[in-house]
N, C-alpha and C. Protein backbone atom coordinates (compact mmCIF):
# COMPACT_ATOMS: atom_id res chain seq x y z
N UNK A 1 86.50 -2.89 -29.23
CA UNK A 1 86.45 -4.33 -29.24
C UNK A 1 87.67 -4.88 -30.00
N UNK A 2 88.29 -5.89 -29.43
CA UNK A 2 89.43 -6.54 -30.07
C UNK A 2 88.90 -7.59 -31.03
N UNK A 3 89.44 -7.55 -32.23
CA UNK A 3 89.05 -8.53 -33.23
C UNK A 3 90.17 -9.55 -33.37
N UNK A 4 89.80 -10.78 -33.65
CA UNK A 4 90.80 -11.82 -33.86
C UNK A 4 90.52 -12.50 -35.18
N UNK A 5 91.50 -12.46 -36.06
CA UNK A 5 91.42 -13.08 -37.38
C UNK A 5 92.26 -14.34 -37.35
N UNK A 6 91.66 -15.49 -37.57
CA UNK A 6 92.38 -16.76 -37.52
C UNK A 6 92.79 -17.15 -38.94
N UNK A 7 94.09 -17.15 -39.19
CA UNK A 7 94.62 -17.42 -40.51
C UNK A 7 95.42 -18.72 -40.52
N UNK A 8 95.57 -19.28 -41.70
CA UNK A 8 96.36 -20.49 -41.88
C UNK A 8 97.83 -20.11 -42.00
N UNK A 9 98.71 -20.90 -41.41
CA UNK A 9 100.14 -20.74 -41.64
C UNK A 9 100.71 -22.11 -42.00
N UNK A 10 101.63 -22.10 -42.93
CA UNK A 10 102.30 -23.33 -43.33
C UNK A 10 103.78 -23.15 -43.00
N UNK A 11 104.29 -24.03 -42.16
CA UNK A 11 105.67 -23.95 -41.72
C UNK A 11 106.44 -25.11 -42.35
N UNK A 12 107.59 -24.78 -42.93
CA UNK A 12 108.43 -25.80 -43.57
C UNK A 12 109.83 -25.73 -42.99
N UNK A 13 110.32 -26.88 -42.54
CA UNK A 13 111.68 -26.92 -42.02
C UNK A 13 112.66 -26.87 -43.20
N UNK A 14 113.61 -25.97 -43.10
CA UNK A 14 114.63 -25.79 -44.13
C UNK A 14 115.97 -26.28 -43.58
N UNK A 15 117.03 -26.20 -44.39
CA UNK A 15 118.36 -26.60 -43.93
C UNK A 15 118.78 -25.80 -42.69
N UNK A 16 118.50 -24.51 -42.72
CA UNK A 16 118.87 -23.64 -41.60
C UNK A 16 117.63 -22.88 -41.15
N UNK A 17 116.84 -23.49 -40.31
CA UNK A 17 115.68 -22.80 -39.78
C UNK A 17 114.38 -23.24 -40.43
N UNK A 18 113.42 -22.32 -40.42
CA UNK A 18 112.07 -22.61 -40.88
C UNK A 18 111.56 -21.46 -41.75
N UNK A 19 110.85 -21.81 -42.82
CA UNK A 19 110.14 -20.81 -43.61
C UNK A 19 108.67 -20.97 -43.29
N UNK A 20 107.93 -19.89 -43.38
CA UNK A 20 106.51 -19.92 -43.05
C UNK A 20 105.76 -18.97 -43.96
N UNK A 21 104.55 -19.39 -44.36
CA UNK A 21 103.74 -18.57 -45.25
C UNK A 21 102.29 -18.58 -44.77
N UNK A 22 101.63 -17.46 -44.97
CA UNK A 22 100.19 -17.34 -44.74
C UNK A 22 99.57 -17.28 -46.13
N UNK A 23 99.02 -18.40 -46.62
CA UNK A 23 98.54 -18.44 -48.01
C UNK A 23 97.36 -17.51 -48.29
N UNK A 24 96.53 -17.24 -47.29
CA UNK A 24 95.38 -16.37 -47.53
C UNK A 24 95.80 -14.96 -47.91
N UNK A 25 96.92 -14.49 -47.35
CA UNK A 25 97.37 -13.13 -47.61
C UNK A 25 98.61 -13.07 -48.49
N UNK A 26 99.25 -14.20 -48.72
CA UNK A 26 100.48 -14.20 -49.50
C UNK A 26 101.64 -13.58 -48.75
N UNK A 27 101.62 -13.67 -47.43
CA UNK A 27 102.67 -13.12 -46.57
C UNK A 27 103.59 -14.26 -46.16
N UNK A 28 104.90 -14.01 -46.22
CA UNK A 28 105.88 -15.03 -45.85
C UNK A 28 106.89 -14.47 -44.87
N UNK A 29 107.53 -15.37 -44.13
CA UNK A 29 108.57 -14.99 -43.21
C UNK A 29 109.44 -16.22 -42.95
N UNK A 30 110.32 -16.12 -41.95
CA UNK A 30 111.19 -17.23 -41.60
C UNK A 30 111.69 -17.04 -40.19
N UNK A 31 112.37 -18.05 -39.68
CA UNK A 31 112.98 -17.96 -38.36
C UNK A 31 113.94 -19.10 -38.15
N UNK A 32 114.84 -18.92 -37.21
CA UNK A 32 115.81 -19.97 -36.92
C UNK A 32 115.17 -21.16 -36.22
N UNK A 33 114.13 -20.91 -35.41
CA UNK A 33 113.40 -21.97 -34.73
C UNK A 33 111.95 -21.94 -35.18
N UNK A 34 111.23 -23.03 -34.90
CA UNK A 34 109.81 -23.09 -35.23
C UNK A 34 109.05 -21.95 -34.56
N UNK A 35 109.34 -21.75 -33.28
CA UNK A 35 108.65 -20.72 -32.51
C UNK A 35 108.94 -19.33 -33.06
N UNK A 36 110.19 -19.09 -33.45
CA UNK A 36 110.55 -17.79 -34.01
C UNK A 36 109.85 -17.57 -35.35
N UNK A 37 109.77 -18.61 -36.18
CA UNK A 37 109.10 -18.49 -37.48
C UNK A 37 107.62 -18.16 -37.29
N UNK A 38 106.96 -18.82 -36.36
CA UNK A 38 105.54 -18.56 -36.09
C UNK A 38 105.36 -17.15 -35.55
N UNK A 39 106.22 -16.73 -34.64
CA UNK A 39 106.16 -15.37 -34.11
C UNK A 39 106.36 -14.34 -35.22
N UNK A 40 107.30 -14.62 -36.13
CA UNK A 40 107.58 -13.68 -37.22
C UNK A 40 106.43 -13.58 -38.21
N UNK A 41 105.75 -14.70 -38.52
CA UNK A 41 104.62 -14.63 -39.46
C UNK A 41 103.45 -13.91 -38.80
N UNK A 42 103.30 -14.09 -37.50
CA UNK A 42 102.25 -13.37 -36.78
C UNK A 42 102.48 -11.86 -36.89
N UNK A 43 103.73 -11.45 -36.64
CA UNK A 43 104.06 -10.03 -36.74
C UNK A 43 103.88 -9.52 -38.18
N UNK A 44 104.31 -10.31 -39.15
CA UNK A 44 104.20 -9.89 -40.56
C UNK A 44 102.75 -9.75 -40.99
N UNK A 45 101.89 -10.67 -40.58
CA UNK A 45 100.48 -10.56 -40.97
C UNK A 45 99.79 -9.41 -40.24
N UNK A 46 100.16 -9.17 -38.99
CA UNK A 46 99.60 -8.03 -38.26
C UNK A 46 99.99 -6.71 -38.94
N UNK A 47 101.25 -6.62 -39.38
CA UNK A 47 101.69 -5.42 -40.10
C UNK A 47 100.98 -5.28 -41.44
N UNK A 48 100.74 -6.40 -42.12
CA UNK A 48 100.02 -6.39 -43.39
C UNK A 48 98.61 -5.83 -43.19
N UNK A 49 97.91 -6.34 -42.17
CA UNK A 49 96.54 -5.88 -41.88
C UNK A 49 96.56 -4.41 -41.46
N UNK A 50 97.50 -4.03 -40.61
CA UNK A 50 97.62 -2.64 -40.16
C UNK A 50 97.84 -1.71 -41.36
N UNK A 51 98.71 -2.12 -42.27
CA UNK A 51 98.98 -1.32 -43.47
C UNK A 51 97.74 -1.22 -44.34
N UNK A 52 97.02 -2.32 -44.48
CA UNK A 52 95.79 -2.31 -45.29
C UNK A 52 94.77 -1.33 -44.70
N UNK A 53 94.67 -1.31 -43.38
CA UNK A 53 93.75 -0.38 -42.73
C UNK A 53 94.20 1.07 -42.97
N UNK A 54 95.49 1.33 -42.83
CA UNK A 54 96.01 2.69 -43.04
C UNK A 54 95.86 3.15 -44.48
N UNK A 55 96.00 2.22 -45.42
CA UNK A 55 95.89 2.56 -46.84
C UNK A 55 94.44 2.60 -47.33
N UNK A 56 93.51 2.21 -46.47
CA UNK A 56 92.10 2.22 -46.85
C UNK A 56 91.72 1.10 -47.79
N UNK A 57 92.46 -0.01 -47.76
CA UNK A 57 92.15 -1.13 -48.65
C UNK A 57 91.70 -2.37 -47.87
N UNK A 58 91.26 -2.18 -46.63
CA UNK A 58 90.85 -3.30 -45.81
C UNK A 58 89.68 -4.06 -46.42
N UNK A 59 88.76 -3.37 -47.08
CA UNK A 59 87.63 -4.05 -47.72
C UNK A 59 88.13 -5.03 -48.78
N UNK A 60 89.18 -4.66 -49.51
CA UNK A 60 89.74 -5.55 -50.53
C UNK A 60 90.38 -6.78 -49.88
N UNK A 61 91.07 -6.57 -48.76
CA UNK A 61 91.69 -7.68 -48.05
C UNK A 61 90.62 -8.62 -47.50
N UNK A 62 89.56 -8.07 -46.92
CA UNK A 62 88.47 -8.90 -46.41
C UNK A 62 87.82 -9.69 -47.54
N UNK A 63 87.64 -9.05 -48.68
CA UNK A 63 87.07 -9.74 -49.84
C UNK A 63 87.98 -10.89 -50.28
N UNK A 64 89.28 -10.65 -50.28
CA UNK A 64 90.26 -11.68 -50.63
C UNK A 64 90.15 -12.87 -49.68
N UNK A 65 89.82 -12.61 -48.43
CA UNK A 65 89.68 -13.65 -47.42
C UNK A 65 88.30 -14.29 -47.41
N UNK A 66 87.37 -13.73 -48.17
CA UNK A 66 86.00 -14.25 -48.18
C UNK A 66 85.23 -13.87 -46.93
N UNK A 67 85.55 -12.72 -46.35
CA UNK A 67 84.92 -12.26 -45.11
C UNK A 67 84.16 -10.97 -45.41
N UNK A 68 82.92 -10.90 -44.92
CA UNK A 68 82.15 -9.68 -45.10
C UNK A 68 82.52 -8.67 -44.03
N UNK A 69 82.23 -7.42 -44.29
CA UNK A 69 82.50 -6.35 -43.32
C UNK A 69 81.71 -6.59 -42.03
N UNK A 70 80.48 -7.11 -42.17
CA UNK A 70 79.65 -7.41 -41.00
C UNK A 70 80.30 -8.49 -40.14
N UNK A 71 80.84 -9.54 -40.78
CA UNK A 71 81.52 -10.59 -40.03
C UNK A 71 82.76 -10.03 -39.33
N UNK A 72 83.49 -9.18 -40.03
CA UNK A 72 84.69 -8.58 -39.47
C UNK A 72 84.36 -7.74 -38.23
N UNK A 73 83.26 -7.02 -38.28
CA UNK A 73 82.88 -6.15 -37.17
C UNK A 73 82.38 -6.92 -35.96
N UNK A 74 82.05 -8.21 -36.11
CA UNK A 74 81.55 -9.01 -35.00
C UNK A 74 82.63 -9.43 -34.02
N UNK A 75 83.87 -9.59 -34.47
CA UNK A 75 84.92 -9.99 -33.54
C UNK A 75 85.80 -11.08 -34.09
N UNK A 76 85.60 -12.32 -33.63
CA UNK A 76 86.45 -13.42 -34.06
C UNK A 76 86.06 -13.86 -35.46
N UNK A 77 87.05 -13.95 -36.34
CA UNK A 77 86.77 -14.18 -37.76
C UNK A 77 87.55 -15.39 -38.26
N UNK A 78 86.86 -16.26 -38.97
CA UNK A 78 87.47 -17.41 -39.60
C UNK A 78 87.32 -17.24 -41.11
N UNK A 79 88.42 -17.07 -41.84
CA UNK A 79 88.30 -16.97 -43.31
C UNK A 79 87.66 -18.23 -43.89
N UNK A 80 87.03 -18.07 -45.02
CA UNK A 80 86.38 -19.19 -45.70
C UNK A 80 87.42 -19.99 -46.49
N UNK A 81 88.29 -20.67 -45.75
CA UNK A 81 89.37 -21.45 -46.35
C UNK A 81 89.31 -22.86 -45.81
N UNK A 82 89.48 -23.81 -46.69
CA UNK A 82 89.53 -25.21 -46.29
C UNK A 82 90.91 -25.74 -46.66
N UNK A 83 91.54 -26.40 -45.72
CA UNK A 83 92.85 -26.98 -46.01
C UNK A 83 92.72 -28.49 -45.99
N UNK A 84 93.51 -29.16 -46.82
CA UNK A 84 93.51 -30.62 -46.88
C UNK A 84 94.85 -31.10 -47.40
N UNK A 85 95.24 -32.25 -46.91
CA UNK A 85 96.41 -32.92 -47.48
C UNK A 85 95.91 -33.83 -48.59
N UNK A 86 96.44 -33.65 -49.75
CA UNK A 86 95.97 -34.39 -50.91
C UNK A 86 97.09 -35.28 -51.44
N UNK A 87 96.91 -36.61 -51.41
CA UNK A 87 97.95 -37.49 -51.95
C UNK A 87 97.95 -37.43 -53.47
N UNK A 88 99.12 -37.27 -54.03
CA UNK A 88 99.29 -37.22 -55.48
C UNK A 88 100.12 -38.42 -55.89
N UNK A 89 99.59 -39.27 -56.79
CA UNK A 89 100.33 -40.44 -57.26
C UNK A 89 101.29 -40.03 -58.37
N UNK A 90 102.49 -40.53 -58.26
CA UNK A 90 103.51 -40.24 -59.24
C UNK A 90 103.96 -41.53 -59.91
N UNK A 91 104.20 -41.48 -61.19
CA UNK A 91 104.72 -42.65 -61.89
C UNK A 91 106.15 -42.89 -61.46
N UNK A 92 106.49 -44.14 -61.24
CA UNK A 92 107.85 -44.48 -60.79
C UNK A 92 108.87 -44.35 -61.89
C-alpha cells in the first residue's frame, strides 16, 4: 500500500530564486523557480523519511509529527499541525 504524508511547506521568494522549508521535519531546500523549489523540498523530505526508515528511527519521526503508528499504517496521513497567519503590531 502506498502511503501519503501531507506536510506543510513554506516558500519564500529570495533575491535569486526561492527558499523553502518543511517546518514539521526541519528540512529546507531552494530552487531558481517556485516549481523547482517545491520539487526540491518534496525530494528532500522523501529522502529524510527514507533515511529515517533505514535508520530505524521512523517511530521518532512519527512522534515528532504527532502521528501514531496505527495512523501511519492506514495510508493518507495528516500531521497534527495547524498553520495561521498572525498579525503582530509593531510600535512605529
